Amino acid sequence: MVSLVKDRKQPILPEEIKIVEAALCRHPKGNNYRVAAKGKQITVYEQMGPDAEALAETFGAMLPMYSRQDLLDGMRAILDKNVQYSPMLHFELL
């Protein structure tokens, strides 16, 4: 299915989006979040379910033949393909 939408000028500046992204990068679990801007709103999305580190920790005891880094890399690859995000924070341009 193909959708066409009218290209509209974004009222939120790229610098404003980068400020939110920079704040998330400083968060200890910052890679669990995504930022999207639409219209007059910046939305921060949080990853649903466990993160790769928690899964690697859980499976590490059951799969001692794999290094922690191998498990972590594998979990990240799986999550990158299957992860879902839920909106958790909105910034509204006034």
N, C-alpha and C. Protein backbone atom coordinates (compact mmCIF):
# COMPACT_ATOMS: atom_id res chain seq x y z
N MET A 1 0.85 -1.16 0.00
CA MET A 1 0.00 0.00 0.00
C MET A 1 0.90 1.23 0.00
N VAL A 2 0.53 2.21 -0.77
CA VAL A 2 1.29 3.45 -0.88
C VAL A 2 0.41 4.59 -0.42
N SER A 3 0.96 5.47 0.41
CA SER A 3 0.23 6.64 0.86
C SER A 3 0.97 7.88 0.44
N LEU A 4 0.22 8.88 0.02
CA LEU A 4 0.80 10.16 -0.34
C LEU A 4 0.29 11.22 0.61
N VAL A 5 1.19 12.06 1.09
CA VAL A 5 0.81 13.16 1.96
C VAL A 5 1.47 14.43 1.46
N LYS A 6 0.83 15.52 1.72
CA LYS A 6 1.36 16.82 1.30
C LYS A 6 2.57 17.15 2.17
N ASP A 7 3.65 17.58 1.52
CA ASP A 7 4.86 17.98 2.23
C ASP A 7 4.60 19.32 2.90
N ARG A 8 4.69 19.33 4.22
CA ARG A 8 4.43 20.54 4.99
C ARG A 8 5.69 20.98 5.72
N LYS A 9 5.78 22.28 5.90
CA LYS A 9 6.92 22.82 6.64
C LYS A 9 6.81 22.40 8.10
N GLN A 10 7.89 21.88 8.63
CA GLN A 10 7.93 21.41 10.01
C GLN A 10 8.09 22.61 10.94
N PRO A 11 7.11 22.87 11.85
CA PRO A 11 7.24 24.01 12.76
C PRO A 11 8.30 23.81 13.84
N ILE A 12 8.66 22.56 14.10
CA ILE A 12 9.69 22.28 15.10
C ILE A 12 11.03 22.25 14.39
N LEU A 13 11.96 23.02 14.93
CA LEU A 13 13.29 23.12 14.32
C LEU A 13 14.12 21.86 14.57
N PRO A 14 15.01 21.50 13.65
CA PRO A 14 15.89 20.34 13.86
C PRO A 14 16.72 20.46 15.14
N GLU A 15 17.09 21.68 15.50
CA GLU A 15 17.88 21.90 16.73
C GLU A 15 17.07 21.51 17.96
N GLU A 16 15.77 21.74 17.93
CA GLU A 16 14.91 21.39 19.06
C GLU A 16 14.82 19.87 19.21
N ILE A 17 14.75 19.18 18.10
CA ILE A 17 14.72 17.72 18.14
C ILE A 17 16.05 17.18 18.67
N LYS A 18 17.15 17.79 18.24
CA LYS A 18 18.47 17.35 18.69
C LYS A 18 18.66 17.56 20.18
N ILE A 19 18.04 18.58 20.76
CA ILE A 19 18.12 18.81 22.21
C ILE A 19 17.48 17.64 22.96
N VAL A 20 16.32 17.20 22.49
CA VAL A 20 15.63 16.07 23.13
C VAL A 20 16.46 14.79 22.95
N GLU A 21 17.00 14.57 21.75
CA GLU A 21 17.82 13.39 21.50
C GLU A 21 19.08 13.40 22.36
N ALA A 22 19.70 14.57 22.54
CA ALA A 22 20.91 14.67 23.37
C ALA A 22 20.60 14.34 24.81
N ALA A 23 19.45 14.79 25.31
CA ALA A 23 19.06 14.47 26.68
C ALA A 23 18.86 12.96 26.86
N LEU A 24 18.28 12.31 25.85
CA LEU A 24 18.09 10.86 25.92
C LEU A 24 19.42 10.12 25.86
N CYS A 25 20.38 10.65 25.11
CA CYS A 25 21.69 10.00 25.03
C CYS A 25 22.39 9.98 26.38
N ARG A 26 22.10 10.96 27.22
CA ARG A 26 22.72 11.01 28.55
C ARG A 26 22.06 10.04 29.53
N HIS A 27 20.88 9.55 29.19
CA HIS A 27 20.16 8.61 30.05
C HIS A 27 20.88 7.26 30.02
N PRO A 28 21.00 6.57 31.16
CA PRO A 28 21.69 5.28 31.19
C PRO A 28 21.11 4.24 30.22
N LYS A 29 19.83 4.29 29.97
CA LYS A 29 19.18 3.35 29.04
C LYS A 29 18.67 4.11 27.82
N GLY A 30 19.42 5.11 27.38
CA GLY A 30 19.00 5.98 26.29
C GLY A 30 18.72 5.28 24.98
N ASN A 31 19.35 4.13 24.75
CA ASN A 31 19.10 3.43 23.48
C ASN A 31 17.74 2.72 23.47
N ASN A 32 16.99 2.79 24.57
CA ASN A 32 15.65 2.21 24.62
C ASN A 32 14.58 3.21 24.18
N TYR A 33 14.99 4.38 23.73
CA TYR A 33 14.04 5.44 23.38
C TYR A 33 14.25 5.91 21.95
N ARG A 34 13.18 6.39 21.33
CA ARG A 34 13.21 6.96 19.99
C ARG A 34 12.45 8.28 20.03
N VAL A 35 12.84 9.19 19.16
CA VAL A 35 12.21 10.51 19.11
C VAL A 35 11.62 10.72 17.72
N ALA A 36 10.42 11.27 17.68
CA ALA A 36 9.77 11.59 16.40
C ALA A 36 9.08 12.94 16.54
N ALA A 37 9.13 13.72 15.47
CA ALA A 37 8.45 15.01 15.45
C ALA A 37 7.38 14.98 14.36
N LYS A 38 6.20 15.45 14.72
CA LYS A 38 5.10 15.53 13.77
C LYS A 38 4.25 16.74 14.14
N GLY A 39 4.06 17.60 13.17
CA GLY A 39 3.28 18.80 13.44
C GLY A 39 3.97 19.66 14.48
N LYS A 40 3.24 20.02 15.52
CA LYS A 40 3.78 20.86 16.59
C LYS A 40 4.16 20.04 17.81
N GLN A 41 4.48 18.78 17.61
CA GLN A 41 4.73 17.91 18.76
C GLN A 41 5.97 17.05 18.55
N ILE A 42 6.76 16.94 19.61
CA ILE A 42 7.87 15.98 19.65
C ILE A 42 7.42 14.88 20.59
N THR A 43 7.51 13.65 20.13
CA THR A 43 7.10 12.50 20.94
C THR A 43 8.30 11.62 21.22
N VAL A 44 8.44 11.21 22.48
CA VAL A 44 9.48 10.27 22.89
C VAL A 44 8.79 8.92 23.06
N TYR A 45 9.33 7.92 22.38
CA TYR A 45 8.79 6.55 22.44
C TYR A 45 9.73 5.68 23.25
N GLU A 46 9.15 4.83 24.09
CA GLU A 46 9.94 3.91 24.92
C GLU A 46 9.76 2.48 24.41
N GLN A 47 10.86 1.75 24.40
CA GLN A 47 10.83 0.34 23.98
C GLN A 47 9.98 -0.46 24.95
N MET A 48 9.11 -1.27 24.40
CA MET A 48 8.27 -2.14 25.24
C MET A 48 9.00 -3.46 25.47
N GLY A 49 8.84 -4.00 26.65
CA GLY A 49 9.46 -5.28 26.98
C GLY A 49 10.89 -5.12 27.46
N PRO A 50 11.56 -6.23 27.71
CA PRO A 50 12.93 -6.17 28.24
C PRO A 50 13.91 -5.67 27.19
N ASP A 51 15.01 -5.09 27.67
CA ASP A 51 16.04 -4.63 26.73
C ASP A 51 17.07 -5.74 26.52
N ALA A 52 17.98 -5.52 25.60
CA ALA A 52 18.97 -6.55 25.22
C ALA A 52 19.83 -6.96 26.40
N GLU A 53 20.20 -6.01 27.25
CA GLU A 53 21.06 -6.33 28.39
C GLU A 53 20.34 -7.26 29.38
N ALA A 54 19.07 -6.99 29.63
CA ALA A 54 18.31 -7.84 30.55
C ALA A 54 18.16 -9.25 29.98
N LEU A 55 17.90 -9.34 28.68
CA LEU A 55 17.77 -10.67 28.06
C LEU A 55 19.09 -11.43 28.06
N ALA A 56 20.19 -10.74 27.77
CA ALA A 56 21.50 -11.40 27.77
C ALA A 56 21.84 -11.89 29.17
N GLU A 57 21.49 -11.10 30.18
CA GLU A 57 21.73 -11.51 31.57
C GLU A 57 20.91 -12.74 31.92
N THR A 58 19.66 -12.77 31.49
CA THR A 58 18.77 -13.89 31.78
C THR A 58 19.25 -15.18 31.10
N PHE A 59 19.59 -15.08 29.81
CA PHE A 59 19.98 -16.27 29.07
C PHE A 59 21.43 -16.67 29.29
N GLY A 60 22.23 -15.78 29.84
CA GLY A 60 23.65 -16.08 30.08
C GLY A 60 23.85 -17.29 30.99
N ALA A 61 23.02 -17.41 32.01
CA ALA A 61 23.15 -18.54 32.93
C ALA A 61 22.73 -19.85 32.27
N MET A 62 21.78 -19.78 31.33
CA MET A 62 21.29 -20.99 30.67
C MET A 62 22.15 -21.41 29.48
N LEU A 63 22.92 -20.47 28.95
CA LEU A 63 23.74 -20.74 27.77
C LEU A 63 25.21 -20.36 28.04
N PRO A 64 25.88 -21.11 28.93
CA PRO A 64 27.24 -20.72 29.31
C PRO A 64 28.27 -20.87 28.18
N MET A 65 27.88 -21.55 27.10
CA MET A 65 28.83 -21.72 26.00
C MET A 65 29.01 -20.45 25.17
N TYR A 66 28.14 -19.45 25.38
CA TYR A 66 28.24 -18.18 24.66
C TYR A 66 28.76 -17.09 25.59
N SER A 67 29.59 -16.24 25.05
CA SER A 67 30.08 -15.13 25.86
C SER A 67 28.94 -14.12 26.06
N ARG A 68 29.08 -13.30 27.09
CA ARG A 68 28.07 -12.29 27.36
C ARG A 68 27.92 -11.35 26.16
N GLN A 69 29.05 -10.99 25.54
CA GLN A 69 29.01 -10.08 24.39
C GLN A 69 28.29 -10.71 23.19
N ASP A 70 28.53 -12.02 22.96
CA ASP A 70 27.83 -12.71 21.87
C ASP A 70 26.32 -12.72 22.12
N LEU A 71 25.93 -13.01 23.36
CA LEU A 71 24.51 -13.01 23.70
C LEU A 71 23.92 -11.61 23.54
N LEU A 72 24.64 -10.60 24.00
CA LEU A 72 24.18 -9.22 23.90
C LEU A 72 24.01 -8.81 22.44
N ASP A 73 24.98 -9.15 21.60
CA ASP A 73 24.89 -8.82 20.17
C ASP A 73 23.71 -9.53 19.52
N GLY A 74 23.51 -10.79 19.86
CA GLY A 74 22.39 -11.56 19.31
C GLY A 74 21.05 -11.00 19.74
N MET A 75 20.93 -10.64 21.02
CA MET A 75 19.68 -10.07 21.52
C MET A 75 19.39 -8.72 20.87
N ARG A 76 20.42 -7.91 20.69
CA ARG A 76 20.22 -6.61 20.03
C ARG A 76 19.74 -6.80 18.59
N ALA A 77 20.32 -7.77 17.88
CA ALA A 77 19.91 -8.02 16.49
C ALA A 77 18.45 -8.46 16.43
N ILE A 78 18.05 -9.34 17.34
CA ILE A 78 16.66 -9.80 17.37
C ILE A 78 15.72 -8.66 17.71
N LEU A 79 16.07 -7.88 18.74
CA LEU A 79 15.20 -6.78 19.15
C LEU A 79 15.10 -5.70 18.08
N ASP A 80 16.20 -5.43 17.38
CA ASP A 80 16.17 -4.41 16.33
C ASP A 80 15.13 -4.75 15.26
N LYS A 81 14.92 -6.01 15.01
CA LYS A 81 13.96 -6.43 13.99
C LYS A 81 12.53 -6.50 14.53
N ASN A 82 12.37 -6.74 15.83
CA ASN A 82 11.06 -7.05 16.38
C ASN A 82 10.54 -6.10 17.46
N VAL A 83 11.33 -5.14 17.84
CA VAL A 83 10.95 -4.29 18.97
C VAL A 83 9.76 -3.39 18.63
N GLN A 84 8.96 -3.11 19.64
CA GLN A 84 7.84 -2.19 19.50
C GLN A 84 8.04 -1.06 20.50
N TYR A 85 7.56 0.11 20.11
CA TYR A 85 7.71 1.29 20.96
C TYR A 85 6.34 1.86 21.29
N SER A 86 6.26 2.44 22.48
CA SER A 86 5.02 3.05 22.93
C SER A 86 5.30 4.51 23.28
N PRO A 87 4.41 5.44 22.90
CA PRO A 87 4.63 6.84 23.24
C PRO A 87 4.58 7.04 24.74
N MET A 88 5.54 7.78 25.27
CA MET A 88 5.55 7.99 26.73
C MET A 88 5.65 9.44 27.13
N LEU A 89 6.06 10.33 26.20
CA LEU A 89 6.25 11.73 26.56
C LEU A 89 6.03 12.59 25.32
N HIS A 90 5.29 13.68 25.48
CA HIS A 90 5.02 14.59 24.36
C HIS A 90 5.48 15.99 24.75
N PHE A 91 6.13 16.66 23.81
CA PHE A 91 6.46 18.07 23.95
C PHE A 91 5.64 18.82 22.91
N GLU A 92 4.87 19.80 23.34
CA GLU A 92 3.98 20.54 22.45
C GLU A 92 4.56 21.95 22.22
N LEU A 93 4.67 22.34 20.95
CA LEU A 93 5.14 23.67 20.61
C LEU A 93 4.01 24.67 20.82
N LEU A 94 4.28 25.67 21.64
CA LEU A 94 3.24 26.69 21.91
C LEU A 94 3.48 27.94 21.09
